[in-house]
Protein backbone atom coordinates (compact mmCIF):
# COMPACT_ATOMS: atom_id res chain seq x y z
CA MET A 1 -11.86 -35.13 9.60
CA LYS A 2 -14.47 -32.41 10.31
CA LYS A 3 -13.92 -29.75 12.91
CA GLU A 4 -16.47 -27.60 14.60
CA ILE A 5 -15.58 -23.93 15.27
CA GLY A 6 -13.65 -23.31 18.44
CA ARG A 7 -11.15 -20.90 19.99
CA ARG A 8 -7.35 -20.81 19.25
CA SER A 9 -4.71 -18.58 20.74
CA PHE A 10 -2.20 -17.03 18.85
CA LEU A 11 0.70 -19.12 17.42
CA LYS A 12 2.68 -16.15 18.24
CA GLY A 13 2.23 -12.80 19.93
CA ALA A 14 -0.08 -10.44 17.89
CA ALA A 15 2.02 -7.64 19.01
CA ALA A 16 5.18 -8.87 17.21
CA THR A 17 6.55 -6.56 14.58
CA MET A 18 6.82 -7.38 10.98
CA GLY A 19 9.54 -4.91 9.93
CA ALA A 20 10.63 -1.46 10.57
CA VAL A 21 8.24 1.71 10.86
CA ALA A 22 7.35 2.71 7.37
CA ALA A 23 8.10 6.09 5.63
CA MET A 24 4.96 8.33 6.29
CA ASN A 25 3.01 5.32 7.39
CA LEU A 26 3.88 3.35 4.12
CA ALA A 27 2.21 0.15 4.89
CA GLY A 28 3.22 -3.39 5.05
CA CYS A 29 6.99 -3.45 5.70
CA GLY A 30 8.54 -6.89 5.76
CA THR A 31 11.68 -7.76 7.64
CA SER A 32 13.85 -7.62 4.52
CA PRO A 33 13.37 -6.92 0.81
CA SER A 34 12.87 -9.73 -1.62
CA SER A 35 12.08 -10.45 -5.25
CA ALA A 36 8.56 -10.93 -6.20
CA ASN A 37 6.90 -14.01 -7.39
CA GLU A 38 5.90 -14.82 -11.01
CA THR A 39 2.31 -13.87 -11.57
CA GLN A 40 -0.78 -15.93 -12.03
CA THR A 41 -2.95 -16.18 -15.14
CA GLU A 42 -5.61 -13.60 -15.25
CA GLY A 43 -9.23 -14.48 -15.63
CA GLN A 44 -11.20 -17.59 -15.02
CA ALA A 45 -9.42 -20.38 -13.25
CA PRO A 46 -9.17 -23.84 -15.31
CA THR A 47 -12.00 -26.07 -14.49
CA ASP A 48 -9.63 -28.58 -13.25
CA ALA A 49 -7.69 -26.22 -10.63
CA THR A 50 -8.69 -27.85 -7.69
CA ALA A 51 -9.09 -31.38 -9.28
CA GLY A 52 -6.14 -32.60 -7.33
CA ILE A 53 -6.83 -31.04 -4.07
CA GLU A 54 -7.60 -33.63 -1.19
CA PRO A 55 -8.13 -31.73 1.90
CA VAL A 56 -6.87 -33.34 5.31
CA ASP A 57 -9.41 -31.52 7.27
CA THR A 58 -12.69 -29.78 6.71
CA TYR A 59 -14.17 -26.88 8.65
CA ASP A 60 -17.82 -25.58 8.48
CA CYS A 61 -18.98 -22.09 9.23
CA ASP A 62 -21.37 -19.13 8.29
CA ILE A 63 -18.36 -16.67 7.01
CA VAL A 64 -14.88 -17.26 6.41
CA VAL A 65 -12.74 -14.20 6.22
CA CYS A 66 -9.33 -14.58 4.34
CA GLY A 67 -6.70 -12.21 6.04
CA THR A 68 -6.51 -10.70 9.40
CA GLY A 69 -5.34 -7.14 8.69
CA ILE A 70 -7.15 -3.95 9.29
CA ALA A 71 -10.18 -4.84 7.11
CA GLY A 72 -10.14 -8.39 7.90
CA MET A 73 -10.15 -8.06 11.60
CA SER A 74 -13.18 -5.36 11.14
CA ALA A 75 -15.09 -7.94 9.22
CA ILE A 76 -14.44 -10.79 11.62
CA VAL A 77 -15.27 -8.93 14.94
CA GLN A 78 -18.44 -7.38 13.13
CA ALA A 79 -19.56 -10.70 11.83
CA ALA A 80 -19.25 -12.60 15.08
CA GLN A 81 -21.03 -9.61 16.99
CA ASN A 82 -23.71 -10.29 14.66
CA GLY A 83 -24.00 -13.82 15.84
CA ALA A 84 -22.23 -15.60 12.87
CA ASN A 85 -19.95 -18.49 13.27
CA VAL A 86 -16.74 -17.27 11.72
CA ILE A 87 -13.21 -18.73 10.68
CA ALA A 88 -10.39 -16.50 10.07
CA VAL A 89 -7.84 -18.01 7.73
CA GLU A 90 -4.38 -16.29 7.88
CA ALA A 91 -1.38 -17.17 5.43
CA ALA A 92 1.11 -15.82 8.04
CA ASP A 93 1.90 -17.29 11.69
CA ILE A 94 0.75 -14.37 13.24
CA PRO A 95 -2.18 -11.87 12.55
CA GLY A 96 -2.13 -8.49 11.15
CA GLY A 97 -0.52 -8.41 7.80
CA ASN A 98 -0.16 -4.77 6.69
CA GLY A 99 -2.20 -3.73 9.44
CA ASN A 100 0.76 -4.40 11.72
CA LEU A 101 2.39 -1.07 10.72
CA ILE A 102 -0.51 1.07 9.97
CA GLY A 103 -0.15 4.37 12.11
CA GLY A 104 -3.77 5.41 12.25
CA CYS A 105 -7.20 5.67 10.97
CA PHE A 106 -9.28 8.17 9.20
CA ALA A 107 -12.48 9.47 10.98
CA HIS A 108 -14.88 12.39 11.06
CA ASP A 109 -17.04 13.27 13.96
CA SER A 110 -15.34 10.90 16.26
CA SER A 111 -15.68 11.16 20.11
CA LEU A 112 -11.86 12.24 20.05
CA GLN A 113 -12.43 15.10 17.65
CA LYS A 114 -15.35 16.38 19.60
CA GLU A 115 -13.41 16.39 22.50
CA MET A 116 -10.80 18.49 20.73
CA GLY A 117 -13.35 20.67 18.86
CA ILE A 118 -12.22 19.32 15.52
CA ASP A 119 -14.70 19.28 12.59
CA PHE A 120 -14.42 19.77 8.61
CA GLU A 121 -16.92 19.38 5.98
CA PHE A 122 -17.44 16.88 3.15
CA PRO A 123 -17.89 18.95 0.05
CA PRO A 124 -14.18 20.23 -0.12
CA ILE A 125 -13.05 16.70 0.44
CA ILE A 126 -15.09 15.06 -2.36
CA ALA A 127 -14.31 18.18 -4.87
CA ASN A 128 -10.65 17.55 -4.02
CA GLU A 129 -10.64 13.79 -4.50
CA MET A 130 -12.74 13.73 -7.60
CA ALA A 131 -10.56 16.55 -9.42
CA ALA A 132 -7.35 14.43 -8.37
CA THR A 133 -8.72 11.23 -9.73
CA ALA A 134 -10.24 13.00 -12.94
CA TYR A 135 -13.60 11.97 -11.72
CA ARG A 136 -13.09 8.31 -12.11
CA VAL A 137 -13.84 7.43 -8.46
CA ASP A 138 -17.32 6.67 -7.14
CA GLY A 139 -18.18 9.85 -4.92
CA GLU A 140 -20.50 7.54 -3.02
CA LEU A 141 -17.81 5.57 -1.59
CA TRP A 142 -16.08 8.78 -0.07
CA LYS A 143 -19.55 9.88 1.29
CA ASP A 144 -20.20 6.64 3.09
CA LEU A 145 -16.89 6.75 4.52
CA TYR A 146 -17.29 10.21 5.77
CA ASP A 147 -20.76 9.64 7.25
CA ASN A 148 -19.84 6.33 8.99
CA SER A 149 -16.14 6.98 10.09
CA GLY A 150 -16.99 8.64 13.28
CA LYS A 151 -19.03 5.66 14.56
CA ASN A 152 -16.71 3.24 13.12
CA LEU A 153 -13.84 4.67 15.36
CA ASP A 154 -16.01 4.79 18.46
CA TRP A 155 -16.84 1.17 17.61
CA LEU A 156 -13.11 0.25 17.55
CA ILE A 157 -12.64 1.96 20.80
CA GLU A 158 -15.58 -0.05 22.38
CA ASN A 159 -13.77 -3.20 21.22
CA GLY A 160 -10.49 -2.39 22.75
CA VAL A 161 -8.53 -0.83 19.93
CA LYS A 162 -6.07 1.66 21.53
CA PHE A 163 -5.63 5.06 20.06
CA SER A 164 -2.94 7.50 21.36
CA GLY A 165 -5.08 10.47 21.64
CA GLN A 166 -3.20 12.47 18.79
CA VAL A 167 -5.37 13.50 16.03
CA ASP A 168 -3.98 15.74 13.24
CA ASP A 169 -3.59 16.39 9.60
CA TYR A 170 -0.49 14.01 9.13
CA GLY A 171 1.62 16.92 7.99
CA THR A 172 -0.62 17.54 5.02
CA GLY A 173 -1.86 20.90 6.09
CA GLY A 174 -5.38 19.70 5.31
CA ILE A 175 -7.99 18.04 7.47
CA LYS A 176 -7.42 16.65 10.82
CA SER A 177 -8.61 13.11 10.20
CA MET A 178 -5.60 11.15 11.39
CA HIS A 179 -6.31 9.25 14.71
CA TYR A 180 -2.96 7.56 15.77
CA PHE A 181 -2.97 4.05 17.15
CA GLU A 182 -1.13 3.49 20.28
CA GLY A 183 2.11 1.80 19.45
CA ARG A 184 1.22 1.57 15.80
CA GLY A 185 -1.40 -0.97 14.32
CA GLY A 186 0.04 -4.20 15.52
CA GLU A 187 -0.27 -3.09 19.17
CA GLY A 188 -3.03 -0.73 19.06
CA TYR A 189 -5.41 -2.37 16.68
CA ILE A 190 -4.64 -5.93 15.72
CA LYS A 191 -3.71 -7.32 19.13
CA PRO A 192 -7.12 -6.10 20.88
CA MET A 193 -9.34 -7.00 18.00
CA VAL A 194 -8.05 -10.55 17.71
CA ALA A 195 -8.62 -10.78 21.46
CA LYS A 196 -12.19 -9.55 21.07
CA ALA A 197 -12.47 -12.16 18.23
CA GLU A 198 -11.55 -14.93 20.21
CA GLU A 199 -13.52 -13.69 22.97
CA LEU A 200 -16.51 -13.99 20.55
CA GLY A 201 -15.54 -17.55 19.58
CA VAL A 202 -13.80 -16.92 16.20
CA GLN A 203 -11.28 -19.65 15.26
CA PHE A 204 -8.15 -18.70 13.66
CA LEU A 205 -6.23 -20.73 11.20
CA TYR A 206 -2.56 -19.36 11.16
CA SER A 207 -0.16 -20.47 8.56
CA THR A 208 -2.96 -21.37 6.21
CA LYS A 209 -3.18 -19.58 2.88
CA ALA A 210 -6.50 -19.31 0.92
CA GLU A 211 -5.67 -20.37 -2.54
CA HIS A 212 -8.92 -21.31 -4.35
CA ALA A 213 -12.66 -21.21 -4.20
CA VAL A 214 -14.93 -24.23 -3.33
CA THR A 215 -17.80 -24.10 -5.54
CA THR A 216 -21.15 -25.81 -5.41
CA ASP A 217 -23.33 -25.42 -8.75
CA GLY A 218 -21.20 -22.51 -9.82
CA LYS A 219 -21.64 -20.48 -6.49
CA ILE A 220 -18.68 -20.02 -4.04
CA THR A 221 -19.21 -22.02 -0.89
CA GLY A 222 -15.89 -21.51 0.69
CA VAL A 223 -12.10 -21.88 0.09
CA TYR A 224 -9.49 -24.34 -0.19
CA ALA A 225 -6.41 -23.26 1.81
CA GLN A 226 -2.86 -24.72 2.06
CA ASN A 227 -0.91 -24.76 5.53
CA ALA A 228 2.61 -24.76 6.27
CA ASP A 229 2.96 -28.44 5.71
CA GLY A 230 1.68 -28.30 2.27
CA ASP A 231 -1.60 -29.91 3.24
CA TRP A 232 -4.75 -28.64 2.01
CA VAL A 233 -7.91 -27.85 4.07
CA GLN A 234 -11.41 -27.01 3.11
CA VAL A 235 -13.34 -24.31 4.79
CA ASN A 236 -17.05 -24.38 3.94
CA ALA A 237 -18.91 -21.25 4.40
CA LYS A 238 -22.05 -19.43 3.15
CA ALA A 239 -19.92 -16.31 2.47
CA VAL A 240 -16.33 -15.59 1.71
CA ILE A 241 -14.70 -12.32 2.44
CA LEU A 242 -11.34 -11.62 0.86
CA ALA A 243 -8.97 -9.40 2.83
CA THR A 244 -5.55 -10.71 1.60
CA GLY A 245 -3.66 -7.60 1.45
CA GLY A 246 -3.40 -7.09 -2.44
CA TYR A 247 -0.73 -8.25 -4.78
CA GLY A 248 2.43 -6.30 -3.96
CA ALA A 249 4.64 -9.31 -3.95
CA ASP A 250 3.92 -10.35 -7.52
CA ALA A 251 6.16 -8.20 -9.77
CA GLN A 252 4.44 -9.17 -13.04
CA MET A 253 1.13 -8.18 -11.55
CA VAL A 254 2.57 -4.94 -10.15
CA SER A 255 3.89 -4.06 -13.80
CA ARG A 256 0.20 -3.58 -14.91
CA ILE A 257 0.25 -0.39 -13.06
CA GLY A 258 3.12 0.84 -14.96
CA TYR A 259 6.32 -0.21 -13.16
CA ASP A 260 9.33 -2.12 -14.64
CA PRO A 261 9.16 -5.53 -12.82
CA ASP A 262 12.85 -5.99 -13.15
CA ASN A 263 13.42 -2.80 -11.13
CA LEU A 264 11.13 -3.45 -8.25
CA TRP A 265 12.63 -3.71 -4.60
CA TYR A 266 9.71 -5.35 -2.61
CA PHE A 267 9.73 -4.40 0.82
CA GLY A 268 6.17 -5.70 1.94
CA VAL A 269 4.47 -8.76 3.29
CA GLU A 270 5.60 -11.77 1.46
CA ASP A 271 2.24 -13.38 1.29
CA ASN A 272 0.51 -10.46 -0.38
CA ASP A 273 0.75 -12.07 -3.83
CA GLY A 274 -2.78 -11.75 -5.09
CA GLY A 275 -4.33 -14.78 -3.68
CA GLY A 276 -7.45 -13.12 -2.88
CA TRP A 277 -7.47 -11.61 -6.35
CA ARG A 278 -7.06 -14.99 -7.87
CA ILE A 279 -9.86 -16.40 -5.96
CA ALA A 280 -12.22 -13.59 -7.32
CA MET A 281 -10.99 -14.25 -10.72
CA GLU A 282 -11.95 -18.01 -10.50
CA MET A 283 -15.27 -16.74 -9.60
CA GLY A 284 -15.70 -14.25 -12.72
CA ALA A 285 -15.03 -11.01 -10.86
CA LYS A 286 -14.08 -7.71 -12.75
CA ASP A 287 -10.19 -7.12 -12.65
CA PHE A 288 -9.47 -3.66 -11.26
CA THR A 289 -5.52 -4.14 -11.19
CA TYR A 290 -5.08 -1.79 -14.33
CA HIS A 291 -6.50 0.82 -11.95
CA SER A 292 -4.68 0.15 -8.88
CA ALA A 293 -3.00 2.56 -6.65
CA ASP A 294 0.25 1.85 -4.73
CA ASN A 295 2.54 2.64 -1.97
CA ALA A 296 6.00 3.26 -3.51
CA HIS A 297 8.77 5.49 -4.10
CA ALA A 298 12.08 5.79 -5.97
CA TYR A 299 15.27 4.62 -3.80
CA ILE A 300 18.99 4.27 -4.61
CA ARG A 301 20.22 0.81 -4.25
CA ALA A 302 23.78 2.01 -3.56
CA MET A 303 22.75 4.16 -0.69
CA PRO A 304 21.66 2.56 2.74
CA HIS A 305 18.27 0.95 2.35
CA GLU A 306 17.72 -1.16 5.31
CA GLN A 307 14.33 0.52 5.94
CA PRO A 308 11.79 1.88 3.42
CA ASP A 309 11.87 5.31 5.09
CA GLN A 310 15.73 5.43 5.36
CA MET A 311 17.17 9.01 4.89
CA PRO A 312 18.46 10.63 2.91
CA ASN A 313 17.91 7.83 0.40
CA CYS A 314 14.15 8.01 0.72
CA GLY A 315 14.05 11.83 0.76
CA LEU A 316 16.07 12.35 -2.48
CA SER A 317 13.04 11.40 -4.56
CA MET A 318 10.67 13.75 -2.80
CA CYS A 319 12.63 16.93 -2.19
CA GLY A 320 12.56 18.62 -5.46
CA TYR A 321 16.32 19.73 -5.39
CA LEU A 322 17.45 17.20 -7.82
CA VAL A 323 17.11 17.23 -11.72
CA TRP A 324 15.39 14.27 -13.17
CA VAL A 325 16.13 13.26 -16.76
CA ASN A 326 15.12 10.43 -18.98
CA GLN A 327 17.04 8.51 -21.75
CA ASP A 328 17.18 11.51 -23.97
CA CYS A 329 18.63 13.74 -21.26
CA LYS A 330 15.52 15.73 -21.03
CA ARG A 331 13.77 16.81 -17.94
CA PHE A 332 10.27 15.04 -18.07
CA VAL A 333 8.51 16.55 -15.13
CA ARG A 334 8.73 19.23 -12.10
CA GLU A 335 10.80 17.28 -9.63
CA ASP A 336 8.89 18.55 -6.81
CA CYS A 337 5.91 16.50 -7.71
CA GLY A 338 6.27 14.12 -4.62
CA ALA A 339 7.11 16.86 -2.25
CA ARG A 340 3.52 16.97 -0.69
CA ASN A 341 2.50 13.21 -1.65
CA PHE A 342 5.36 10.94 -2.53
CA CYS A 343 3.06 8.58 -4.64
CA GLN A 344 2.88 11.43 -7.13
CA GLN A 345 6.45 10.97 -8.19
CA ASN A 346 5.66 7.47 -9.67
CA PRO A 347 3.48 7.97 -12.70
CA PRO A 348 5.77 10.56 -14.70
CA ARG A 349 8.39 7.80 -14.57
CA TRP A 350 6.10 5.06 -16.13
CA ASN A 351 6.17 7.05 -19.42
CA GLN A 352 10.16 6.76 -19.69
CA LYS A 353 12.13 4.16 -21.29
CA SER A 354 14.99 5.10 -18.52
CA TRP A 355 15.43 8.01 -15.91
CA TYR A 356 18.09 9.45 -13.95
CA PHE A 357 18.73 11.74 -11.09
CA VAL A 358 21.40 14.37 -11.43
CA PHE A 359 22.65 16.64 -8.65
CA ASP A 360 25.75 18.33 -7.08
CA ILE A 361 27.00 18.08 -3.61
CA GLU A 362 25.19 21.23 -2.49
CA SER A 363 21.74 20.16 -3.67
CA TYR A 364 22.48 16.81 -2.13
CA LYS A 365 23.31 18.68 1.23
CA ALA A 366 19.79 20.76 0.92
CA ALA A 367 17.97 17.34 0.56
CA CYS A 368 19.92 15.93 3.53
CA GLN A 369 19.02 18.95 5.70
CA MET A 370 15.36 18.75 4.63
CA TYR A 371 14.91 15.47 5.86
CA GLY A 372 16.71 15.92 9.19
CA VAL A 373 20.04 14.34 8.02
CA ASP A 374 23.11 16.26 9.22
CA PRO A 375 24.77 17.46 5.76
CA GLU A 376 28.12 16.53 6.94
CA GLU A 377 27.13 13.08 7.82
CA GLY A 378 25.12 12.91 4.55
CA VAL A 379 28.49 13.53 2.74
CA LYS A 380 30.00 10.60 4.53
CA ILE A 381 27.02 8.43 3.41
CA MET A 382 27.55 9.47 -0.16
CA GLU A 383 31.27 9.04 -0.28
CA GLU A 384 30.80 5.47 1.19
CA SER A 385 28.03 4.78 -1.27
CA VAL A 386 29.73 5.82 -4.21
CA ALA A 387 32.80 3.73 -3.29
CA THR A 388 30.84 0.46 -2.55
CA ASN A 389 28.13 1.33 -5.37
CA GLU A 390 25.76 -1.75 -4.95
CA GLY A 391 23.99 -2.34 -8.04
CA ASP A 392 26.32 -0.08 -10.01
CA CYS A 393 23.99 2.62 -9.92
CA LEU A 394 25.60 5.61 -8.49
CA TYR A 395 28.61 7.64 -9.87
CA GLN A 396 30.73 10.90 -9.13
CA ALA A 397 32.45 12.94 -11.28
CA ASP A 398 33.80 16.40 -11.63
CA SER A 399 31.89 17.59 -14.68
CA ILE A 400 28.47 16.96 -16.09
CA GLU A 401 30.08 15.40 -19.24
CA GLU A 402 31.71 12.69 -17.34
CA LEU A 403 28.48 11.93 -15.78
CA ALA A 404 26.86 11.19 -18.98
CA GLY A 405 29.31 8.52 -19.90
CA PHE A 406 28.60 6.07 -16.79
CA PHE A 407 25.16 5.31 -18.42
CA ASP A 408 26.02 5.90 -22.29
CA LEU A 409 23.79 9.08 -22.26
CA ASP A 410 24.49 11.92 -24.79
CA ALA A 411 27.10 14.12 -23.18
CA ASP A 412 26.28 17.42 -25.01
CA ALA A 413 22.39 16.96 -24.40
CA LEU A 414 22.95 16.47 -20.67
CA VAL A 415 25.17 19.41 -20.53
CA ALA A 416 22.59 21.43 -22.32
CA GLU A 417 19.76 20.41 -20.23
CA ILE A 418 21.73 21.29 -16.89
CA GLU A 419 22.63 24.59 -18.27
CA LYS A 420 19.06 25.25 -19.14
CA HIS A 421 17.90 24.36 -15.66
CA ASN A 422 20.51 26.31 -14.07
CA GLN A 423 19.26 29.43 -15.95
CA PHE A 424 15.92 28.88 -14.77
CA CYS A 425 17.36 28.90 -11.34
CA LYS A 426 18.97 32.31 -11.97
CA ASP A 427 15.75 33.50 -13.39
CA GLY A 428 13.71 32.31 -10.40
CA VAL A 429 11.27 30.53 -12.76
CA ASP A 430 11.20 27.16 -14.07
CA GLY A 431 10.30 27.71 -17.68
CA ASP A 432 9.67 24.20 -18.66
CA TRP A 433 7.85 22.46 -15.77
CA SER A 434 6.80 25.19 -13.25
CA LYS A 435 8.88 23.67 -10.13
CA ASP A 436 8.30 25.53 -7.04
CA PRO A 437 11.04 28.38 -6.89
CA SER A 438 12.09 27.18 -3.33
CA PHE A 439 13.43 24.11 -5.08
CA LEU A 440 15.23 25.83 -7.76
CA MET A 441 18.77 25.06 -7.05
CA PRO A 442 21.53 25.18 -9.89
CA ILE A 443 23.62 22.07 -10.33
CA GLU A 444 27.11 23.79 -10.47
CA ASN A 445 29.20 22.81 -7.43
CA PRO A 446 31.23 19.72 -7.92
CA PRO A 447 31.62 16.81 -7.12
CA TYR A 448 28.70 16.26 -9.49
CA TYR A 449 26.50 12.90 -9.30
CA ILE A 450 24.30 10.76 -11.26
CA THR A 451 22.07 7.62 -10.41
CA LYS A 452 19.70 5.24 -11.98
CA PRO A 453 17.13 4.77 -9.12
CA GLU A 454 14.70 1.64 -8.79
CA THR A 455 11.36 1.50 -7.15
CA LEU A 456 11.02 0.43 -3.50
CA PHE A 457 7.47 -0.96 -3.64
CA LEU A 458 5.33 -1.64 -0.56
CA MET A 459 1.78 -2.44 -1.55
CA THR A 460 -1.05 -2.17 -3.72
CA ILE A 461 -4.49 -0.75 -3.38
CA GLY A 462 -7.39 -2.08 -5.24
CA ALA A 463 -7.55 -5.34 -7.07
CA VAL A 464 -11.22 -6.46 -7.60
CA PHE A 465 -14.21 -4.25 -8.73
CA THR A 466 -16.53 -3.78 -5.49
CA ASP A 467 -19.68 -2.10 -4.53
CA ILE A 468 -20.36 -0.14 -1.42
CA ASN A 469 -20.87 -3.25 0.60
CA GLY A 470 -17.73 -4.78 -0.48
CA GLN A 471 -19.54 -7.39 -2.88
CA ALA A 472 -17.08 -8.47 -5.64
CA LEU A 473 -18.64 -7.48 -8.99
CA ASP A 474 -18.79 -9.33 -12.32
CA GLU A 475 -18.18 -8.00 -15.79
CA ASN A 476 -21.66 -6.63 -15.85
CA ASN A 477 -21.16 -4.88 -12.49
CA ASP A 478 -23.57 -7.17 -10.80
CA PRO A 479 -22.57 -8.62 -7.25
CA ILE A 480 -21.20 -12.28 -7.07
CA PRO A 481 -23.52 -13.99 -4.39
CA GLY A 482 -21.38 -14.64 -1.27
CA LEU A 483 -18.15 -13.04 -2.49
CA TYR A 484 -16.58 -10.03 -0.92
CA ALA A 485 -13.37 -8.18 -1.38
CA ILE A 486 -12.32 -5.52 1.15
CA GLY A 487 -9.48 -3.80 2.44
CA VAL A 488 -6.78 -3.09 -0.38
CA ASP A 489 -8.21 -6.19 -2.29
CA GLY A 490 -11.16 -4.15 -3.02
CA CYS A 491 -10.69 -0.51 -2.22
CA MET A 492 -11.94 1.64 -4.97
CA LEU A 493 -11.29 5.19 -3.41
CA TYR A 494 -8.37 5.94 -5.76
CA ARG A 495 -7.35 5.39 -9.33
CA ASN A 496 -3.63 4.86 -10.09
CA VAL A 497 -2.42 7.20 -7.44
CA TYR A 498 -2.93 7.03 -3.79
CA THR A 499 -3.82 10.71 -3.14
CA ILE A 500 -2.97 10.72 0.68
CA ASP A 501 -5.07 14.21 0.83
CA VAL A 502 -7.46 12.74 3.44
CA PRO A 503 -5.09 11.51 5.97
CA ALA A 504 -5.58 7.49 6.78
CA SER A 505 -8.56 7.28 4.55
CA CYS A 506 -7.24 3.98 3.12
CA CYS A 507 -7.53 2.60 6.81
CA GLY A 508 -10.67 4.12 7.55
CA ASN A 509 -12.18 2.61 4.43
CA SER A 510 -10.93 -0.69 5.44
CA VAL A 511 -12.64 -0.55 8.80
CA ASN A 512 -15.77 0.67 7.08
CA VAL A 513 -16.17 -1.73 4.19
CA GLY A 514 -15.22 -4.45 6.62
CA ARG A 515 -18.08 -3.73 8.72
CA HIS A 516 -20.31 -3.39 5.68
CA ALA A 517 -19.42 -6.47 3.99
CA ALA A 518 -19.96 -8.62 7.50
CA ASP A 519 -23.43 -7.03 8.01
CA HIS A 520 -24.43 -7.75 4.40
CA ALA A 521 -23.17 -11.30 4.52
CA CYS A 522 -24.89 -11.86 7.73
CA ALA A 523 -28.16 -10.48 6.53
CA SER A 524 -27.96 -13.08 3.81
CA LEU A 525 -27.35 -16.08 5.93
């Protein structure tokens, strides 16, 4: 059966939420944590990967966009406004993916900023970002974002996207580039953009997951997608734009970044399992996963963790008051490394066989207070957490020596390390790791605690090498005709660490490259 492009209403309201509000705009929270899927084989797909597929429906269009998040909707609306026939393929039964919970979008020189008299220059931004990534990113990508973001934001407003009117520095003390959506991304961005797309004649195929490339003479000419009934559909297109939300749901793929796949607590969108990456690999695209950044932080399974931003659990890894030790009972980093950017806490942990938080009741109370939890209420939470001890990962004792025994650590070594740390606190200078003096708090007031945290993981950023137009690149850095990877599938603003120094830059990039990909694909029709 062959179908022409038509209009289709939501199967469910686009404003439906997909989980709780995420910590500091951590994107893509699902309604509950889950184990991740097994990884797929890297590289070129077997020649018979699609041999057994018998589509029950076939669709024809100019451009197929796989995914309806921030980037996907940007590409969809732009391509439709350019006059292209567009089909949107969405794995979930509602649109939005990670975009439903995004808090806001980056822009420079937007109409909102002009009204508020907000301005900032590009050179300090690029100097900071290049230094933060050891000059491994392409500065042209940042410049392109800076130059186009104001126009992009005004284009969003013209297409019905709702902003709250608040523009600030997102608490970073830096540039005021964060434009907050009204009611977060699901309400302020996704719902109006889908309405605009439907107005323009875009057809949405929900509960339909793109899995393989359709090829003709070695060139991508569409996608095979599987629906909720397990049936295959074939979408023929002159250009394929991948915007599938990354691969956070695949623990084995995530382990390439540096994480232990057995200690990941995935709290993201279940369909973000690398589907777009696999299609790109089938077409010979260059793999970016070993350079991916991510949204993740340490958490303690024994403490309340219904939401990714739940305090005080979330804050313990960011505050700096606790002492971090590895399997040898040695501190291995300044513990306030995640105080300004929570993502910076992650790389130091990748180098350890195992690692632990050690703290006392007073440092714990200080952490609670820092993140808005009444210290006495925090104590009750801790007492209940130790008593139930989900995951057997949190213990209390009256001495440091006793703490060591819970994880078979060297008691003498742990005592010596804590004593050394306490002396640094008295001296007012961290002689090993230069932790900010404001976080130098001695561990000397029982009860004492030790925990072995895990990693709460939300999303990956970057999977396929791309150019400034979002074109997927091959191993020779040449564009693959007709194939694009945008959003977090193709974001190359960062390397390994999501810097967060430029508020909402990831979202701004998704809008920017989504429009670029649509324009480039339309010009090639």
